[in-house]
């Protein structure tokens, strides 16, 4: 696995979250993502990664949707590289809600065309338009 690309991706994701969560430092977020990834790879297949972490000092759950121009090697169970990342950050005290969101995201990917919508999106607005609630998930 190319650690440099995954680490660079996690660094960019951490900076994006820190920009919207002023009480948290990007290094804290990066550490949380990396520590979770060390426990078990967060790739789920079909080109999707679900990196996530928990932190003190955050309320609720935050979801970031990220895509890469080129898929990166991520050691996914199906052997495919990953190009869509639904990244969640939540409070240590909200593990149950965090797991429910991850479960919902996994079902969304299996039962809808949301991954194709994310890959076709060219702007953040298009990503948000493609990521809407799908009934029946």
N, C-alpha and C. Protein backbone atom coordinates (compact mmCIF):
# COMPACT_ATOMS: atom_id res chain seq x y z
N UNK A 1 0.85 -1.18 0.00
CA UNK A 1 0.00 0.00 0.00
C UNK A 1 0.89 1.24 0.00
N UNK A 2 0.48 2.22 -0.74
CA UNK A 2 1.23 3.47 -0.82
C UNK A 2 0.79 4.37 0.33
N UNK A 3 1.52 4.30 1.44
CA UNK A 3 1.17 5.08 2.63
C UNK A 3 1.16 6.58 2.35
N UNK A 4 2.04 7.02 1.47
CA UNK A 4 2.14 8.44 1.19
C UNK A 4 0.82 9.00 0.67
N UNK A 5 0.18 8.31 -0.26
CA UNK A 5 -1.08 8.81 -0.82
C UNK A 5 -2.19 8.79 0.22
N UNK A 6 -2.27 7.72 1.00
CA UNK A 6 -3.31 7.65 2.02
C UNK A 6 -3.06 8.71 3.09
N UNK A 7 -1.82 8.86 3.53
CA UNK A 7 -1.51 9.87 4.53
C UNK A 7 -1.79 11.28 4.00
N UNK A 8 -1.45 11.52 2.75
CA UNK A 8 -1.72 12.83 2.14
C UNK A 8 -3.22 13.08 2.09
N UNK A 9 -3.98 12.07 1.71
CA UNK A 9 -5.44 12.20 1.67
C UNK A 9 -5.98 12.52 3.05
N UNK A 10 -5.55 11.76 4.06
CA UNK A 10 -6.02 12.01 5.42
C UNK A 10 -5.62 13.41 5.89
N UNK A 11 -4.45 13.87 5.48
CA UNK A 11 -4.03 15.23 5.83
C UNK A 11 -4.95 16.28 5.23
N UNK A 12 -5.32 16.10 3.96
CA UNK A 12 -6.23 17.05 3.32
C UNK A 12 -7.62 17.01 3.95
N UNK A 13 -8.09 15.80 4.23
CA UNK A 13 -9.40 15.65 4.87
C UNK A 13 -9.39 16.35 6.23
N UNK A 14 -8.33 16.14 6.99
CA UNK A 14 -8.22 16.75 8.33
C UNK A 14 -8.23 18.27 8.25
N UNK A 15 -7.55 18.82 7.27
CA UNK A 15 -7.54 20.28 7.10
C UNK A 15 -8.93 20.80 6.74
N UNK A 16 -9.66 20.08 5.90
CA UNK A 16 -11.02 20.50 5.55
C UNK A 16 -11.93 20.50 6.77
N UNK A 17 -11.85 19.44 7.57
CA UNK A 17 -12.67 19.40 8.79
C UNK A 17 -12.27 20.51 9.75
N UNK A 18 -10.97 20.73 9.95
CA UNK A 18 -10.51 21.75 10.88
C UNK A 18 -10.97 23.14 10.46
N UNK A 19 -11.08 23.37 9.17
CA UNK A 19 -11.53 24.67 8.67
C UNK A 19 -12.97 24.95 9.07
N UNK A 20 -13.76 23.89 9.28
CA UNK A 20 -15.16 24.07 9.65
C UNK A 20 -15.42 23.79 11.12
N UNK A 21 -14.43 23.27 11.82
CA UNK A 21 -14.55 22.97 13.25
C UNK A 21 -13.44 23.72 13.99
N UNK A 22 -13.63 25.00 14.24
CA UNK A 22 -12.55 25.83 14.78
C UNK A 22 -12.03 25.38 16.15
N UNK A 23 -12.79 24.60 16.90
CA UNK A 23 -12.32 24.15 18.21
C UNK A 23 -11.39 22.94 18.10
N UNK A 24 -11.24 22.40 16.91
CA UNK A 24 -10.40 21.23 16.72
C UNK A 24 -9.22 21.56 15.82
N UNK A 25 -8.12 20.93 16.11
CA UNK A 25 -6.90 21.11 15.35
C UNK A 25 -6.81 20.02 14.28
N UNK A 26 -6.29 20.36 13.11
CA UNK A 26 -6.19 19.37 12.04
C UNK A 26 -5.32 18.18 12.44
N UNK A 27 -4.33 18.41 13.31
CA UNK A 27 -3.48 17.30 13.76
C UNK A 27 -4.26 16.31 14.62
N UNK A 28 -5.17 16.84 15.46
CA UNK A 28 -6.03 15.96 16.27
C UNK A 28 -6.91 15.09 15.37
N UNK A 29 -7.47 15.71 14.36
CA UNK A 29 -8.35 14.99 13.44
C UNK A 29 -7.55 13.95 12.67
N UNK A 30 -6.39 14.34 12.17
CA UNK A 30 -5.52 13.42 11.45
C UNK A 30 -5.16 12.22 12.31
N UNK A 31 -4.78 12.47 13.53
CA UNK A 31 -4.43 11.38 14.45
C UNK A 31 -5.60 10.43 14.67
N UNK A 32 -6.80 10.99 14.85
CA UNK A 32 -7.98 10.15 15.06
C UNK A 32 -8.25 9.27 13.83
N UNK A 33 -8.13 9.83 12.63
CA UNK A 33 -8.34 9.04 11.42
C UNK A 33 -7.27 7.95 11.28
N UNK A 34 -6.01 8.32 11.52
CA UNK A 34 -4.92 7.36 11.38
C UNK A 34 -5.01 6.24 12.42
N UNK A 35 -5.34 6.60 13.66
CA UNK A 35 -5.46 5.57 14.71
C UNK A 35 -6.57 4.59 14.38
N UNK A 36 -7.69 5.09 13.88
CA UNK A 36 -8.79 4.19 13.52
C UNK A 36 -8.39 3.29 12.36
N UNK A 37 -7.68 3.85 11.39
CA UNK A 37 -7.26 3.08 10.22
C UNK A 37 -6.29 1.97 10.60
N UNK A 38 -5.47 2.21 11.63
CA UNK A 38 -4.54 1.18 12.09
C UNK A 38 -5.27 -0.02 12.68
N UNK A 39 -6.45 0.21 13.26
CA UNK A 39 -7.23 -0.89 13.84
C UNK A 39 -7.78 -1.81 12.75
N UNK A 40 -8.29 -1.21 11.68
CA UNK A 40 -8.85 -1.97 10.57
C UNK A 40 -9.03 -1.03 9.38
N UNK A 41 -8.69 -1.53 8.22
CA UNK A 41 -8.85 -0.78 6.99
C UNK A 41 -10.31 -0.38 6.82
N UNK A 42 -10.55 0.87 6.41
CA UNK A 42 -11.92 1.37 6.30
C UNK A 42 -12.45 1.35 4.87
N UNK A 43 -11.74 0.68 3.96
CA UNK A 43 -12.28 0.51 2.61
C UNK A 43 -13.36 -0.57 2.67
N UNK A 44 -14.44 -0.35 1.93
CA UNK A 44 -15.53 -1.32 1.97
C UNK A 44 -15.76 -2.01 0.62
N UNK A 45 -15.09 -1.55 -0.42
CA UNK A 45 -15.29 -2.12 -1.75
C UNK A 45 -16.03 -1.14 -2.65
N UNK A 46 -16.07 -1.48 -3.94
CA UNK A 46 -16.74 -0.65 -4.95
C UNK A 46 -16.13 0.75 -5.06
N UNK A 47 -14.87 0.90 -4.62
CA UNK A 47 -14.22 2.20 -4.71
C UNK A 47 -14.57 3.16 -3.60
N UNK A 48 -15.14 2.63 -2.49
CA UNK A 48 -15.57 3.47 -1.38
C UNK A 48 -14.72 3.23 -0.14
N UNK A 49 -14.34 4.33 0.49
CA UNK A 49 -13.69 4.29 1.80
C UNK A 49 -14.55 5.03 2.80
N UNK A 50 -14.57 4.52 4.03
CA UNK A 50 -15.32 5.16 5.11
C UNK A 50 -14.39 5.50 6.27
N UNK A 51 -13.35 6.32 6.02
CA UNK A 51 -12.49 6.68 7.14
C UNK A 51 -13.28 7.45 8.18
N UNK A 52 -13.01 7.17 9.44
CA UNK A 52 -13.75 7.83 10.50
C UNK A 52 -12.93 7.87 11.78
N UNK A 53 -13.30 8.77 12.65
CA UNK A 53 -12.61 8.90 13.92
C UNK A 53 -13.51 9.56 14.94
N UNK A 54 -13.12 9.38 16.20
CA UNK A 54 -13.85 10.01 17.30
C UNK A 54 -12.89 10.88 18.09
N UNK A 55 -13.43 11.98 18.61
CA UNK A 55 -12.62 12.97 19.33
C UNK A 55 -13.40 13.55 20.50
N UNK A 56 -12.66 14.04 21.48
CA UNK A 56 -13.25 14.85 22.54
C UNK A 56 -13.45 16.25 21.96
N UNK A 57 -14.43 16.96 22.48
CA UNK A 57 -14.57 18.37 22.12
C UNK A 57 -15.35 18.62 20.84
N UNK A 58 -16.09 17.65 20.37
CA UNK A 58 -16.92 17.85 19.19
C UNK A 58 -18.35 17.45 19.54
N UNK A 59 -19.29 18.21 19.08
CA UNK A 59 -20.69 17.86 19.29
C UNK A 59 -21.25 17.24 18.03
N UNK A 60 -22.07 16.24 18.18
CA UNK A 60 -22.72 15.62 17.04
C UNK A 60 -21.76 14.83 16.17
N UNK A 61 -22.17 14.65 14.95
CA UNK A 61 -21.39 13.89 13.97
C UNK A 61 -21.21 14.78 12.75
N UNK A 62 -20.02 14.81 12.21
CA UNK A 62 -19.74 15.58 10.99
C UNK A 62 -19.40 14.61 9.88
N UNK A 63 -19.97 14.84 8.71
CA UNK A 63 -19.73 14.01 7.53
C UNK A 63 -19.10 14.87 6.46
N UNK A 64 -18.00 14.40 5.92
CA UNK A 64 -17.36 15.05 4.77
C UNK A 64 -17.35 14.07 3.61
N UNK A 65 -17.66 14.57 2.43
CA UNK A 65 -17.66 13.74 1.22
C UNK A 65 -16.50 14.21 0.36
N UNK A 66 -15.62 13.27 0.04
CA UNK A 66 -14.41 13.60 -0.71
C UNK A 66 -14.26 12.63 -1.88
N UNK A 67 -13.79 13.16 -3.00
CA UNK A 67 -13.45 12.31 -4.15
C UNK A 67 -12.03 12.65 -4.58
N UNK A 68 -11.40 11.69 -5.24
CA UNK A 68 -10.06 11.93 -5.77
C UNK A 68 -10.11 11.86 -7.28
N UNK A 69 -9.25 12.62 -7.94
CA UNK A 69 -9.20 12.62 -9.40
C UNK A 69 -8.80 11.23 -9.91
N UNK A 70 -7.89 10.60 -9.20
CA UNK A 70 -7.44 9.25 -9.53
C UNK A 70 -7.64 8.37 -8.31
N UNK A 71 -8.17 7.17 -8.49
CA UNK A 71 -8.32 6.26 -7.34
C UNK A 71 -6.97 5.95 -6.71
N UNK A 72 -6.99 5.72 -5.39
CA UNK A 72 -5.75 5.37 -4.70
C UNK A 72 -5.85 3.94 -4.16
N UNK A 73 -4.71 3.28 -4.06
CA UNK A 73 -4.66 1.94 -3.48
C UNK A 73 -4.99 2.08 -1.99
N UNK A 74 -5.92 1.25 -1.55
CA UNK A 74 -6.44 1.39 -0.19
C UNK A 74 -6.63 0.04 0.48
N UNK A 75 -6.20 -1.02 -0.19
CA UNK A 75 -6.35 -2.39 0.28
C UNK A 75 -7.81 -2.74 0.56
N UNK A 76 -8.66 -2.43 -0.39
CA UNK A 76 -10.08 -2.74 -0.27
C UNK A 76 -10.31 -4.24 -0.36
N UNK A 77 -11.37 -4.73 0.26
CA UNK A 77 -11.63 -6.18 0.24
C UNK A 77 -11.83 -6.74 -1.17
N UNK A 78 -12.33 -5.91 -2.10
CA UNK A 78 -12.52 -6.39 -3.47
C UNK A 78 -11.30 -6.14 -4.35
N UNK A 79 -10.24 -5.56 -3.76
CA UNK A 79 -9.00 -5.32 -4.50
C UNK A 79 -9.00 -4.08 -5.36
N UNK A 80 -10.11 -3.37 -5.42
CA UNK A 80 -10.19 -2.16 -6.25
C UNK A 80 -9.67 -0.94 -5.49
N UNK A 81 -9.06 0.00 -6.23
CA UNK A 81 -8.65 1.25 -5.59
C UNK A 81 -9.87 2.07 -5.21
N UNK A 82 -9.66 3.08 -4.37
CA UNK A 82 -10.76 3.87 -3.80
C UNK A 82 -10.69 5.31 -4.31
N UNK A 83 -11.86 5.85 -4.68
CA UNK A 83 -11.92 7.23 -5.16
C UNK A 83 -13.03 8.06 -4.54
N UNK A 84 -13.87 7.44 -3.71
CA UNK A 84 -14.94 8.16 -3.00
C UNK A 84 -14.78 7.86 -1.52
N UNK A 85 -14.79 8.92 -0.72
CA UNK A 85 -14.58 8.78 0.72
C UNK A 85 -15.68 9.52 1.47
N UNK A 86 -16.46 8.79 2.25
CA UNK A 86 -17.41 9.39 3.17
C UNK A 86 -16.72 9.35 4.53
N UNK A 87 -16.28 10.50 5.00
CA UNK A 87 -15.49 10.57 6.22
C UNK A 87 -16.33 11.17 7.34
N UNK A 88 -16.33 10.48 8.48
CA UNK A 88 -17.10 10.97 9.62
C UNK A 88 -16.19 11.22 10.81
N UNK A 89 -16.52 12.26 11.54
CA UNK A 89 -15.86 12.62 12.79
C UNK A 89 -16.98 12.82 13.81
N UNK A 90 -16.83 12.20 14.97
CA UNK A 90 -17.85 12.38 16.00
C UNK A 90 -17.22 12.36 17.38
N UNK A 91 -18.05 12.67 18.36
CA UNK A 91 -17.64 12.65 19.75
C UNK A 91 -17.40 11.21 20.20
N UNK A 92 -16.46 11.04 21.09
CA UNK A 92 -16.21 9.73 21.69
C UNK A 92 -17.47 9.22 22.37
N UNK A 93 -18.27 10.14 22.90
CA UNK A 93 -19.49 9.76 23.62
C UNK A 93 -20.65 9.39 22.70
N UNK A 94 -20.48 9.54 21.40
CA UNK A 94 -21.58 9.28 20.46
C UNK A 94 -21.25 8.13 19.50
N UNK A 95 -20.62 7.09 20.01
CA UNK A 95 -20.24 5.96 19.15
C UNK A 95 -21.45 5.30 18.50
N UNK A 96 -22.55 5.18 19.24
CA UNK A 96 -23.74 4.53 18.69
C UNK A 96 -24.28 5.30 17.48
N UNK A 97 -24.41 6.60 17.61
CA UNK A 97 -24.88 7.41 16.48
C UNK A 97 -23.91 7.35 15.31
N UNK A 98 -22.64 7.34 15.63
CA UNK A 98 -21.60 7.27 14.60
C UNK A 98 -21.72 5.96 13.82
N UNK A 99 -21.89 4.85 14.54
CA UNK A 99 -22.03 3.55 13.88
C UNK A 99 -23.32 3.47 13.06
N UNK A 100 -24.39 4.09 13.55
CA UNK A 100 -25.65 4.11 12.79
C UNK A 100 -25.47 4.86 11.47
N UNK A 101 -24.75 5.99 11.51
CA UNK A 101 -24.51 6.74 10.28
C UNK A 101 -23.67 5.92 9.30
N UNK A 102 -22.61 5.28 9.78
CA UNK A 102 -21.78 4.45 8.91
C UNK A 102 -22.60 3.32 8.29
N UNK A 103 -23.48 2.72 9.07
CA UNK A 103 -24.34 1.66 8.55
C UNK A 103 -25.28 2.19 7.48
N UNK A 104 -25.85 3.37 7.71
CA UNK A 104 -26.75 3.98 6.74
C UNK A 104 -26.00 4.29 5.44
N UNK A 105 -24.77 4.80 5.56
CA UNK A 105 -23.98 5.10 4.37
C UNK A 105 -23.68 3.82 3.58
N UNK A 106 -23.35 2.75 4.27
CA UNK A 106 -23.08 1.48 3.58
C UNK A 106 -24.31 1.00 2.83
N UNK A 107 -25.48 1.09 3.46
CA UNK A 107 -26.72 0.68 2.78
C UNK A 107 -27.02 1.59 1.59
N UNK A 108 -26.77 2.87 1.74
CA UNK A 108 -26.99 3.83 0.66
C UNK A 108 -26.18 3.43 -0.56
N UNK A 109 -24.95 3.05 -0.35
CA UNK A 109 -24.07 2.67 -1.45
C UNK A 109 -24.55 1.38 -2.12
N UNK A 110 -25.01 0.43 -1.33
CA UNK A 110 -25.44 -0.85 -1.89
C UNK A 110 -26.73 -0.72 -2.68
N UNK A 111 -27.66 0.08 -2.20
CA UNK A 111 -29.01 0.11 -2.77
C UNK A 111 -29.31 1.30 -3.68
N UNK A 112 -28.35 2.19 -3.90
CA UNK A 112 -28.60 3.35 -4.76
C UNK A 112 -27.42 3.55 -5.70
N UNK A 113 -27.54 4.56 -6.54
CA UNK A 113 -26.45 4.90 -7.46
C UNK A 113 -25.62 6.08 -6.94
N UNK A 114 -25.57 6.26 -5.63
CA UNK A 114 -24.90 7.43 -5.06
C UNK A 114 -23.41 7.47 -5.43
N UNK A 115 -22.73 6.33 -5.52
CA UNK A 115 -21.31 6.37 -5.88
C UNK A 115 -21.12 6.89 -7.30
N UNK A 116 -21.96 6.48 -8.20
CA UNK A 116 -21.87 6.97 -9.58
C UNK A 116 -22.13 8.47 -9.62
N UNK A 117 -23.06 8.94 -8.80
CA UNK A 117 -23.34 10.38 -8.74
C UNK A 117 -22.12 11.15 -8.21
N UNK A 118 -21.47 10.59 -7.20
CA UNK A 118 -20.29 11.25 -6.64
C UNK A 118 -19.16 11.30 -7.67
N UNK A 119 -18.99 10.23 -8.42
CA UNK A 119 -17.92 10.19 -9.42
C UNK A 119 -18.20 11.12 -10.58
N UNK A 120 -19.45 11.35 -10.90
CA UNK A 120 -19.81 12.22 -12.01
C UNK A 120 -19.77 13.70 -11.62
N UNK A 121 -19.84 13.98 -10.33
CA UNK A 121 -19.89 15.37 -9.85
C UNK A 121 -18.57 16.08 -10.15
N UNK A 122 -18.69 17.33 -10.56
CA UNK A 122 -17.51 18.15 -10.86
C UNK A 122 -17.30 19.27 -9.85
N UNK A 123 -18.30 19.55 -9.04
CA UNK A 123 -18.21 20.64 -8.07
C UNK A 123 -18.81 20.19 -6.74
N UNK A 124 -18.50 20.90 -5.66
CA UNK A 124 -19.14 20.58 -4.38
C UNK A 124 -20.67 20.66 -4.44
N UNK A 125 -21.19 21.60 -5.21
CA UNK A 125 -22.65 21.72 -5.34
C UNK A 125 -23.23 20.46 -5.99
N UNK A 126 -22.55 19.96 -7.00
CA UNK A 126 -23.01 18.73 -7.66
C UNK A 126 -22.90 17.52 -6.73
N UNK A 127 -21.87 17.50 -5.90
CA UNK A 127 -21.76 16.41 -4.92
C UNK A 127 -22.95 16.46 -3.97
N UNK A 128 -23.27 17.64 -3.45
CA UNK A 128 -24.40 17.76 -2.53
C UNK A 128 -25.71 17.42 -3.21
N UNK A 129 -25.87 17.82 -4.48
CA UNK A 129 -27.09 17.49 -5.20
C UNK A 129 -27.23 15.98 -5.40
N UNK A 130 -26.11 15.31 -5.58
CA UNK A 130 -26.13 13.86 -5.78
C UNK A 130 -26.26 13.08 -4.49
N UNK A 131 -26.02 13.73 -3.37
CA UNK A 131 -26.08 13.06 -2.08
C UNK A 131 -27.33 13.54 -1.35
N UNK A 132 -28.42 12.97 -1.71
CA UNK A 132 -29.68 13.32 -1.07
C UNK A 132 -30.24 12.10 -0.39
N UNK A 133 -31.23 12.28 0.42
CA UNK A 133 -31.84 11.15 1.10
C UNK A 133 -32.53 10.26 0.08
N UNK A 134 -32.23 9.00 0.17
CA UNK A 134 -32.88 8.00 -0.68
C UNK A 134 -33.79 7.17 0.20
N UNK A 135 -35.09 7.22 -0.03
CA UNK A 135 -36.03 6.45 0.77
C UNK A 135 -35.77 4.96 0.62
N UNK A 136 -36.08 4.23 1.65
CA UNK A 136 -35.98 2.78 1.61
C UNK A 136 -34.62 2.23 1.99
N UNK A 137 -33.69 3.09 2.39
CA UNK A 137 -32.36 2.58 2.79
C UNK A 137 -32.38 2.14 4.23
